[in-house]
Amino acid sequence: MHAPVHPRVGTRDVFAIAGPAMVANLTTPLIGVVSTTAIGRLDDAALLGGVAIASIIFDCLFWLFGFLRMSTLAFTAQSLGAGEVREPTAILARGFIVAGLIGAALIVLQLPLAAVLFDLMGGSEGVTRAAQTYFKIRIWSSPFTLANYVILGWLIGQARANSALLLQVVVNLVNMVATILLVLVYDTGIAGAATAALFSEAVGFALGVIVCRHYADGGFGVPTATLLDRDKLLRLLAVNSDIMIRTAALITVFLFFTAKGAQAGDVTLAANSVLNNFLFISAFFLDGLANAAQQLCGRTLGARDAKGFAASTRLVLFWGLGFAIVVAALFALFGPALIDFMTASDDVRRAAREFLPFVVLAPIPGVFAFGFDGIYIGATWAREMRNLMLASLAIFLGTWWALQSFGNAGLWWALMASYLSRGGLQAVRYPAQFRATFSSPSPRLRGEGRGEGESRQGK
């Protein structure tokens, strides 16, 4: 019996996924720019603050359920590599069920949820009232938004990155056009901005279902026994819960960073906010490569292609490092000019320039943080990723505690420690995970995160 021949993984495979993902990521901030500009033209600071607070709430809330995209992508890619014909459709259906249940729960619990979240945000009465108006409308987009996560993960998992890109761009364009029409033309205020977001997610879901139906082999019909396969449902639950905990830890880092910056004063908060835009720019590129890692590592793992998996890891990290060096150089050269463009305040400009070296350095450790996140997600090493992210959170908090006397500089060093530990810990653990995964008979037999060599059959 001859060993199976696996296609060689190359740079073209990486950028076939990373390229469209990068372009899609670059279009996303335009939504915030258009919404802010449209509401800003109403000349009401409370409305603008309300949109800002509500947007942060939804960003964090939906980010928490990002496991729907990640796990769908990983499981789909693994099924593709394993040559399973009908399983990808079952994965899509399971994802829709989970997204629908979570979305419905958010709608049902919207009143207590809003009360807790707005109390934590601590905005003024006018800002909170405006944010509540936005929240009460946009919360109804939850099932559509979460289902769209599933659709994007499913398409990228099948290496249909161009289709995923087009869908994401359409959603963003519909959102921007609807916001301009409802807010500026029909004068519906902050309710119009929320309605635009709801409408665009619904349109994206409808178009996504049509696209998925086109690619689904044999249509959407899935036997109930396949859909409700106990082992696969338990594995889905385990992976999703682990990724959710990991994401919650990651959100905690950025919320803590923002809160401590706010406590340091308005100038420091504003300077950190300006510099965060630099981090977002580098994240657009690194996250695109992380998407490639998820798909390629998932597909090669499903095909039991250890060489392809290792090649995918090397290529993603290599190109990530190349992008990071370029981005860091651009930040060093043009950072002061970008700071001056983003703020007119001399005090904020001085403060931002003082801490600019941190965002110049950040893309380098960011390569390993984003890259290994993608590798671990594609391989569904979710429990390990969860544990290492919790350790990284502890290192972040410990570094801040040790350096808090240095003020905002100590806070930035803590964030750098988070980047370094997040990627570094996963890099150290990677060889053992690789050996354990490819020494077992099948990824389907390994209970994810149950320990090296410990299979579900052995439980």
Protein backbone atom coordinates (compact mmCIF):
# COMPACT_ATOMS: atom_id res chain seq x y z
CA MET A 1 0.00 0.00 0.00
CA HIS A 2 1.40 3.35 -1.06
CA ALA A 3 1.42 6.35 1.27
CA PRO A 4 -1.03 9.09 0.23
CA VAL A 5 0.42 11.88 -1.90
CA HIS A 6 -0.33 15.33 -0.50
CA PRO A 7 -0.19 18.52 -2.57
CA ARG A 8 2.69 20.80 -1.58
CA VAL A 9 1.73 23.84 0.48
CA GLY A 10 3.26 27.02 -0.95
CA THR A 11 3.22 30.80 -0.71
CA ARG A 12 0.40 30.99 -3.27
CA ASP A 13 -1.83 28.93 -0.94
CA VAL A 14 -1.11 31.32 1.94
CA PHE A 15 -1.96 34.48 0.02
CA ALA A 16 -4.99 32.97 -1.72
CA ILE A 17 -6.58 33.16 1.74
CA ALA A 18 -4.59 35.90 3.47
CA GLY A 19 -4.93 38.42 0.61
CA PRO A 20 -8.75 38.59 0.52
CA ALA A 21 -8.86 38.50 4.33
CA MET A 22 -6.52 41.51 4.53
CA VAL A 23 -8.64 43.47 2.04
CA ALA A 24 -11.83 42.62 3.94
CA ASN A 25 -10.21 43.69 7.22
CA LEU A 26 -9.23 47.05 5.70
CA THR A 27 -12.85 47.80 4.70
CA THR A 28 -14.24 47.17 8.19
CA PRO A 29 -13.01 50.40 9.87
CA LEU A 30 -14.86 52.40 7.20
CA ILE A 31 -18.12 51.49 8.95
CA GLY A 32 -17.01 53.24 12.12
CA VAL A 33 -15.72 56.22 10.16
CA VAL A 34 -19.01 56.65 8.27
CA SER A 35 -21.17 56.16 11.38
CA THR A 36 -19.07 58.59 13.40
CA THR A 37 -19.08 61.17 10.60
CA ALA A 38 -22.83 60.87 9.98
CA ILE A 39 -23.73 61.18 13.67
CA GLY A 40 -21.06 63.85 14.15
CA ARG A 41 -22.75 66.06 11.55
CA LEU A 42 -25.84 66.18 13.78
CA ASP A 43 -23.76 68.38 16.11
CA ASP A 44 -24.78 66.57 19.31
CA ALA A 45 -21.89 65.36 21.46
CA ALA A 46 -24.19 63.04 23.45
CA LEU A 47 -25.25 61.21 20.28
CA LEU A 48 -21.64 60.82 19.17
CA GLY A 49 -20.65 59.52 22.60
CA GLY A 50 -23.64 57.17 22.56
CA VAL A 51 -22.56 55.64 19.26
CA ALA A 52 -18.99 55.27 20.56
CA ILE A 53 -20.05 53.49 23.76
CA ALA A 54 -22.63 51.27 22.06
CA SER A 55 -20.15 50.33 19.32
CA ILE A 56 -17.56 49.28 21.92
CA ILE A 57 -20.20 47.18 23.70
CA PHE A 58 -21.21 45.37 20.52
CA ASP A 59 -17.61 44.94 19.38
CA CYS A 60 -16.74 43.18 22.64
CA LEU A 61 -20.04 41.29 22.84
CA PHE A 62 -19.80 39.86 19.34
CA TRP A 63 -16.04 39.34 19.61
CA LEU A 64 -16.75 37.07 22.57
CA PHE A 65 -18.66 34.77 20.21
CA GLY A 66 -15.97 34.85 17.53
CA PHE A 67 -15.52 31.13 18.20
CA LEU A 68 -18.41 30.60 15.77
CA ARG A 69 -16.19 31.71 12.88
CA MET A 70 -13.01 30.11 14.21
CA SER A 71 -14.37 26.66 15.02
CA THR A 72 -16.47 26.52 11.84
CA LEU A 73 -13.38 27.40 9.80
CA ALA A 74 -11.21 24.81 11.53
CA PHE A 75 -13.71 21.94 11.39
CA THR A 76 -14.59 22.70 7.78
CA ALA A 77 -10.94 22.79 6.72
CA GLN A 78 -10.25 19.52 8.55
CA SER A 79 -13.22 17.86 6.83
CA LEU A 80 -12.00 19.17 3.47
CA GLY A 81 -8.54 17.71 4.08
CA ALA A 82 -10.03 14.39 5.19
CA GLY A 83 -12.08 14.18 2.00
CA GLU A 84 -15.45 14.12 3.81
CA VAL A 85 -18.15 15.10 1.33
CA ARG A 86 -21.25 15.75 3.47
CA GLU A 87 -19.69 16.75 6.79
CA PRO A 88 -19.01 20.41 5.79
CA THR A 89 -22.75 20.95 5.28
CA ALA A 90 -23.46 19.42 8.69
CA ILE A 91 -20.82 21.74 10.21
CA LEU A 92 -22.57 24.74 8.62
CA ALA A 93 -25.95 23.60 9.95
CA ARG A 94 -24.60 23.05 13.47
CA GLY A 95 -23.02 26.50 13.37
CA PHE A 96 -26.33 28.09 12.35
CA ILE A 97 -28.12 26.33 15.22
CA VAL A 98 -25.59 27.56 17.79
CA ALA A 99 -25.61 31.09 16.34
CA GLY A 100 -29.41 31.17 16.39
CA LEU A 101 -29.60 30.00 20.00
CA ILE A 102 -27.02 32.52 21.22
CA GLY A 103 -28.60 35.35 19.19
CA ALA A 104 -32.04 34.55 20.59
CA ALA A 105 -30.64 34.45 24.13
CA LEU A 106 -29.06 37.90 23.68
CA ILE A 107 -32.40 39.31 22.50
CA VAL A 108 -34.33 37.74 25.38
CA LEU A 109 -31.78 38.96 27.94
CA GLN A 110 -31.32 42.42 26.42
CA LEU A 111 -32.77 44.39 29.35
CA PRO A 112 -30.59 42.97 32.16
CA LEU A 113 -27.65 42.84 29.74
CA ALA A 114 -28.02 46.52 28.87
CA ALA A 115 -28.39 47.49 32.53
CA VAL A 116 -25.12 45.76 33.49
CA LEU A 117 -23.13 46.92 30.46
CA PHE A 118 -24.13 50.58 30.62
CA ASP A 119 -23.52 50.67 34.34
CA LEU A 120 -19.98 49.42 33.70
CA MET A 121 -19.39 52.00 30.94
CA GLY A 122 -20.34 54.86 33.24
CA GLY A 123 -21.32 57.42 30.57
CA SER A 124 -23.23 60.63 31.24
CA GLU A 125 -27.03 60.57 31.26
CA GLY A 126 -27.30 61.94 27.73
CA VAL A 127 -24.66 59.60 26.32
CA THR A 128 -26.20 56.57 28.05
CA ARG A 129 -29.68 57.45 26.79
CA ALA A 130 -28.40 57.68 23.22
CA ALA A 131 -26.44 54.45 23.56
CA GLN A 132 -29.51 52.64 24.91
CA THR A 133 -31.51 53.72 21.85
CA TYR A 134 -28.80 52.25 19.61
CA PHE A 135 -28.54 49.10 21.73
CA LYS A 136 -32.28 48.32 21.72
CA ILE A 137 -32.33 48.27 17.93
CA ARG A 138 -29.00 46.71 17.06
CA ILE A 139 -29.36 43.83 19.55
CA TRP A 140 -31.91 42.38 17.10
CA SER A 141 -29.08 41.90 14.62
CA SER A 142 -27.43 39.33 16.92
CA PRO A 143 -28.68 36.16 15.17
CA PHE A 144 -27.70 37.56 11.76
CA THR A 145 -24.28 38.78 12.91
CA LEU A 146 -23.41 35.48 14.58
CA ALA A 147 -24.73 33.45 11.62
CA ASN A 148 -22.52 35.59 9.37
CA TYR A 149 -19.54 34.54 11.49
CA VAL A 150 -20.45 30.94 10.69
CA ILE A 151 -20.80 31.71 6.97
CA LEU A 152 -17.41 33.46 6.80
CA GLY A 153 -15.71 30.64 8.69
CA TRP A 154 -17.33 28.02 6.47
CA LEU A 155 -16.31 29.75 3.23
CA ILE A 156 -12.71 30.40 4.34
CA GLY A 157 -12.52 26.83 5.67
CA GLN A 158 -13.22 25.63 2.14
CA ALA A 159 -10.60 28.06 0.75
CA ARG A 160 -13.40 30.20 -0.76
CA ALA A 161 -11.72 33.35 0.54
CA ASN A 162 -12.77 35.51 -2.43
CA SER A 163 -16.44 34.73 -1.81
CA ALA A 164 -15.99 35.53 1.88
CA LEU A 165 -14.32 38.81 0.92
CA LEU A 166 -17.13 39.82 -1.42
CA LEU A 167 -19.76 39.06 1.23
CA GLN A 168 -17.94 41.09 3.87
CA VAL A 169 -17.43 44.02 1.50
CA VAL A 170 -21.13 43.95 0.53
CA VAL A 171 -22.20 43.99 4.20
CA ASN A 172 -19.88 46.93 4.89
CA LEU A 173 -21.03 48.90 1.83
CA VAL A 174 -24.72 48.32 2.60
CA ASN A 175 -24.08 49.46 6.17
CA MET A 176 -22.37 52.66 5.03
CA VAL A 177 -24.99 53.56 2.39
CA ALA A 178 -27.89 52.78 4.74
CA THR A 179 -26.29 54.87 7.51
CA ILE A 180 -25.88 57.89 5.23
CA LEU A 181 -29.45 57.60 3.95
CA LEU A 182 -31.14 57.01 7.30
CA VAL A 183 -29.10 59.44 9.40
CA LEU A 184 -28.38 62.31 7.02
CA VAL A 185 -31.15 62.10 4.40
CA TYR A 186 -34.10 60.88 6.47
CA ASP A 187 -32.89 62.42 9.76
CA THR A 188 -33.53 59.35 11.93
CA GLY A 189 -30.58 60.08 14.24
CA ILE A 190 -28.89 57.38 16.26
CA ALA A 191 -31.79 54.98 15.67
CA GLY A 192 -31.00 55.20 11.96
CA ALA A 193 -27.38 54.18 12.53
CA ALA A 194 -28.50 51.14 14.53
CA THR A 195 -31.12 50.22 11.93
CA ALA A 196 -28.47 50.43 9.20
CA ALA A 197 -26.30 47.94 11.10
CA LEU A 198 -29.27 45.58 11.57
CA PHE A 199 -30.28 45.84 7.90
CA SER A 200 -26.76 45.22 6.59
CA GLU A 201 -26.28 42.10 8.73
CA ALA A 202 -29.66 40.74 7.56
CA VAL A 203 -28.71 41.37 3.92
CA GLY A 204 -25.33 39.72 4.50
CA PHE A 205 -27.01 36.65 6.00
CA ALA A 206 -29.48 36.32 3.11
CA LEU A 207 -26.70 36.60 0.52
CA GLY A 208 -24.47 34.28 2.55
CA VAL A 209 -27.09 31.54 2.61
CA ILE A 210 -27.42 31.80 -1.18
CA VAL A 211 -23.64 31.56 -1.64
CA CYS A 212 -23.33 28.65 0.79
CA ARG A 213 -26.20 26.84 -0.94
CA HIS A 214 -24.26 27.14 -4.18
CA TYR A 215 -21.15 25.54 -2.68
CA ALA A 216 -22.90 22.93 -0.50
CA ASP A 217 -22.35 19.53 -2.08
CA GLY A 218 -25.80 17.99 -2.42
CA GLY A 219 -27.68 20.97 -1.00
CA PHE A 220 -28.55 21.81 2.58
CA GLY A 221 -30.22 18.51 3.39
CA VAL A 222 -28.45 16.83 6.31
CA PRO A 223 -29.68 13.60 7.94
CA THR A 224 -30.72 14.19 11.54
CA ALA A 225 -28.39 11.45 12.76
CA THR A 226 -25.43 13.20 11.08
CA LEU A 227 -26.45 16.64 12.30
CA LEU A 228 -26.87 15.48 15.89
CA ASP A 229 -23.85 13.16 16.00
CA ARG A 230 -23.08 13.02 19.73
CA ASP A 231 -19.28 12.88 19.49
CA LYS A 232 -19.12 15.78 17.05
CA LEU A 233 -21.54 17.89 19.09
CA LEU A 234 -19.48 17.29 22.24
CA ARG A 235 -16.29 18.18 20.39
CA LEU A 236 -17.94 21.33 19.01
CA LEU A 237 -19.06 22.32 22.51
CA ALA A 238 -15.61 21.68 24.00
CA VAL A 239 -13.72 23.62 21.31
CA ASN A 240 -16.19 26.53 21.31
CA SER A 241 -16.17 26.89 25.10
CA ASP A 242 -12.36 26.84 25.19
CA ILE A 243 -12.06 29.45 22.44
CA MET A 244 -14.69 31.61 24.19
CA ILE A 245 -12.71 31.57 27.45
CA ARG A 246 -9.54 32.39 25.53
CA THR A 247 -11.29 35.30 23.79
CA ALA A 248 -12.68 36.59 27.09
CA ALA A 249 -9.12 36.65 28.47
CA LEU A 250 -7.95 38.56 25.41
CA ILE A 251 -10.79 41.08 25.72
CA THR A 252 -9.88 41.53 29.40
CA VAL A 253 -6.36 42.62 28.39
CA PHE A 254 -7.61 45.36 26.08
CA LEU A 255 -10.41 46.54 28.38
CA PHE A 256 -7.97 46.71 31.31
CA PHE A 257 -5.50 48.62 29.13
CA THR A 258 -8.24 51.11 28.13
CA ALA A 259 -9.53 51.51 31.68
CA LYS A 260 -6.08 52.18 33.16
CA GLY A 261 -5.36 54.66 30.39
CA ALA A 262 -8.60 56.47 31.21
CA GLN A 263 -7.68 56.64 34.90
CA ALA A 264 -4.40 58.33 33.94
CA GLY A 265 -6.27 61.34 32.52
CA ASP A 266 -7.87 62.59 29.34
CA VAL A 267 -4.58 63.33 27.55
CA THR A 268 -3.17 59.84 28.23
CA LEU A 269 -6.46 58.21 27.23
CA ALA A 270 -6.54 60.19 23.99
CA ALA A 271 -2.87 59.42 23.23
CA ASN A 272 -3.41 55.69 23.81
CA SER A 273 -6.51 55.79 21.61
CA VAL A 274 -4.50 57.37 18.79
CA LEU A 275 -1.75 54.76 19.15
CA ASN A 276 -4.30 51.92 19.26
CA ASN A 277 -5.11 52.78 15.64
CA PHE A 278 -1.53 51.79 14.78
CA LEU A 279 -2.09 48.42 16.48
CA PHE A 280 -5.31 47.95 14.50
CA ILE A 281 -3.49 48.64 11.23
CA SER A 282 -0.85 45.99 11.91
CA ALA A 283 -3.58 43.60 13.09
CA PHE A 284 -5.33 43.82 9.70
CA PHE A 285 -2.33 42.22 7.99
CA LEU A 286 -1.44 39.75 10.74
CA ASP A 287 -5.05 38.60 11.12
CA GLY A 288 -5.22 37.91 7.38
CA LEU A 289 -2.24 35.57 7.73
CA ALA A 290 -3.84 34.01 10.82
CA ASN A 291 -6.86 33.16 8.64
CA ALA A 292 -4.51 31.42 6.21
CA ALA A 293 -2.96 29.48 9.10
CA GLN A 294 -6.39 28.35 10.29
CA GLN A 295 -7.40 27.02 6.88
CA LEU A 296 -4.09 25.46 5.84
CA CYS A 297 -3.33 23.89 9.22
CA GLY A 298 -6.89 22.59 9.49
CA ARG A 299 -6.83 21.12 5.97
CA THR A 300 -3.40 19.50 6.32
CA LEU A 301 -4.33 18.09 9.73
CA GLY A 302 -7.51 16.60 8.27
CA ALA A 303 -5.42 15.04 5.50
CA ARG A 304 -2.90 13.71 8.07
CA ASP A 305 -0.22 15.66 6.19
CA ALA A 306 2.43 16.42 8.81
CA LYS A 307 4.84 17.92 6.27
CA GLY A 308 2.12 20.18 4.89
CA PHE A 309 1.15 21.28 8.40
CA ALA A 310 4.77 22.13 9.24
CA ALA A 311 5.18 23.95 5.91
CA SER A 312 2.01 25.97 6.57
CA THR A 313 3.36 26.98 9.98
CA ARG A 314 6.73 28.07 8.55
CA LEU A 315 5.21 30.03 5.66
CA VAL A 316 2.68 31.91 7.79
CA LEU A 317 5.32 32.91 10.35
CA PHE A 318 7.85 33.82 7.64
CA TRP A 319 5.49 36.09 5.72
CA GLY A 320 4.07 37.47 8.95
CA LEU A 321 7.55 38.49 10.03
CA GLY A 322 8.13 40.12 6.64
CA PHE A 323 4.93 42.17 6.90
CA ALA A 324 5.69 43.05 10.52
CA ILE A 325 9.13 44.44 9.67
CA VAL A 326 7.68 46.56 6.86
CA VAL A 327 4.83 47.85 9.03
CA ALA A 328 7.23 48.61 11.92
CA ALA A 329 9.50 50.56 9.55
CA LEU A 330 6.53 52.54 8.20
CA PHE A 331 5.39 53.35 11.75
CA ALA A 332 8.90 54.54 12.64
CA LEU A 333 9.14 56.73 9.53
CA PHE A 334 5.61 58.14 9.31
CA GLY A 335 4.31 57.67 12.86
CA PRO A 336 4.77 61.31 13.95
CA ALA A 337 2.99 62.57 10.83
CA LEU A 338 0.11 60.11 11.36
CA ILE A 339 -0.22 61.23 14.97
CA ASP A 340 -0.42 64.88 13.85
CA PHE A 341 -3.08 63.89 11.30
CA MET A 342 -5.23 62.06 13.87
CA THR A 343 -5.22 64.75 16.57
CA ALA A 344 -4.89 68.53 16.65
CA SER A 345 -4.08 68.69 20.37
CA ASP A 346 -0.43 69.53 21.09
CA ASP A 347 -0.59 67.78 24.47
CA VAL A 348 -1.98 64.58 22.93
CA ARG A 349 0.59 64.74 20.13
CA ARG A 350 3.47 64.98 22.62
CA ALA A 351 2.11 62.12 24.72
CA ALA A 352 1.51 59.90 21.67
CA ARG A 353 5.03 60.53 20.33
CA GLU A 354 6.47 59.57 23.72
CA PHE A 355 4.92 56.10 23.50
CA LEU A 356 5.25 55.66 19.72
CA PRO A 357 8.25 53.26 20.10
CA PHE A 358 5.93 50.69 21.66
CA VAL A 359 3.67 50.48 18.59
CA VAL A 360 6.74 50.43 16.34
CA LEU A 361 7.93 47.31 18.17
CA ALA A 362 4.49 45.69 18.62
CA PRO A 363 4.13 44.06 15.14
CA ILE A 364 7.19 41.84 15.73
CA PRO A 365 5.86 39.89 18.75
CA GLY A 366 2.41 40.28 17.17
CA VAL A 367 3.51 37.95 14.34
CA PHE A 368 3.84 35.04 16.75
CA ALA A 369 0.75 35.96 18.77
CA PHE A 370 -1.50 36.09 15.68
CA GLY A 371 0.32 33.36 13.76
CA PHE A 372 0.21 30.74 16.50
CA ASP A 373 -3.40 31.67 17.30
CA GLY A 374 -4.25 30.73 13.71
CA ILE A 375 -2.20 27.52 13.87
CA TYR A 376 -3.76 26.40 17.16
CA ILE A 377 -7.28 27.21 15.97
CA GLY A 378 -6.81 25.37 12.67
CA ALA A 379 -5.56 22.32 14.56
CA THR A 380 -8.35 22.77 17.16
CA TRP A 381 -5.77 22.75 19.95
CA ALA A 382 -8.35 24.86 21.74
CA ARG A 383 -7.79 23.72 25.31
CA GLU A 384 -4.06 24.35 25.10
CA MET A 385 -4.68 27.76 23.55
CA ARG A 386 -7.13 28.60 26.34
CA ASN A 387 -4.68 27.64 29.08
CA LEU A 388 -1.77 29.51 27.48
CA MET A 389 -3.93 32.62 26.97
CA LEU A 390 -4.92 32.56 30.65
CA ALA A 391 -1.22 32.33 31.52
CA SER A 392 -0.54 35.27 29.19
CA LEU A 393 -3.28 37.27 30.95
CA ALA A 394 -1.63 36.55 34.29
CA ILE A 395 1.73 37.70 32.89
CA PHE A 396 0.10 40.89 31.58
CA LEU A 397 -1.48 41.71 34.95
CA GLY A 398 1.70 40.77 36.83
CA THR A 399 3.83 42.98 34.59
CA TRP A 400 1.46 45.89 35.02
CA TRP A 401 1.45 45.43 38.80
CA ALA A 402 5.26 45.35 38.90
CA LEU A 403 5.65 48.39 36.62
CA GLN A 404 2.63 50.49 37.62
CA SER A 405 4.91 53.07 39.22
CA PHE A 406 6.11 53.89 35.67
CA GLY A 407 2.60 55.08 34.78
CA ASN A 408 1.52 54.76 31.14
CA ALA A 409 4.93 53.39 30.13
CA GLY A 410 4.42 50.51 32.56
CA LEU A 411 1.00 49.88 31.01
CA TRP A 412 2.51 49.71 27.52
CA TRP A 413 5.28 47.37 28.72
CA ALA A 414 2.56 45.12 30.16
CA LEU A 415 0.81 45.06 26.77
CA MET A 416 4.10 44.13 25.07
CA ALA A 417 4.54 41.36 27.66
CA SER A 418 1.08 40.11 26.72
CA TYR A 419 2.03 39.96 23.03
CA LEU A 420 5.34 38.24 23.79
CA SER A 421 3.90 35.67 26.18
CA ARG A 422 0.84 34.95 24.01
CA GLY A 423 2.98 33.97 21.02
CA GLY A 424 5.98 32.72 22.98
CA LEU A 425 4.10 30.24 25.15
CA GLN A 426 2.33 28.79 22.12
CA ALA A 427 5.64 28.53 20.25
CA VAL A 428 7.21 26.61 23.14
CA ARG A 429 4.24 24.25 23.34
CA TYR A 430 3.96 23.77 19.57
CA PRO A 431 6.49 20.86 19.11
CA ALA A 432 4.77 18.69 21.73
CA GLN A 433 1.33 19.42 20.28
CA PHE A 434 2.59 18.63 16.78
CA ARG A 435 4.07 15.29 17.85
CA ALA A 436 0.97 14.30 19.82
CA THR A 437 -1.38 15.19 16.96
CA PHE A 438 0.44 13.41 14.15
CA SER A 439 1.39 10.36 16.19
CA SER A 440 -2.29 9.56 16.87
CA PRO A 441 -4.31 7.52 14.34
CA SER A 442 -6.79 10.27 13.48
CA PRO A 443 -7.69 13.78 14.65
CA ARG A 444 -11.23 12.52 15.07
CA LEU A 445 -10.03 10.05 17.74
CA ARG A 446 -8.12 12.58 19.79
CA GLY A 447 -10.17 14.25 22.48
CA GLU A 448 -9.08 17.87 21.98
CA GLY A 449 -7.19 19.14 24.97
CA ARG A 450 -7.49 15.88 26.94
CA GLY A 451 -3.75 15.50 27.12
CA GLU A 452 -1.12 14.13 24.80
CA GLY A 453 -1.99 10.72 23.41
CA GLU A 454 -5.22 10.46 25.40
CA SER A 455 -8.04 9.59 23.03
CA ARG A 456 -11.78 9.75 23.39
CA GLN A 457 -11.92 6.00 22.98
CA GLY A 458 -9.63 5.62 25.95
CA LYS A 459 -11.88 7.57 28.29
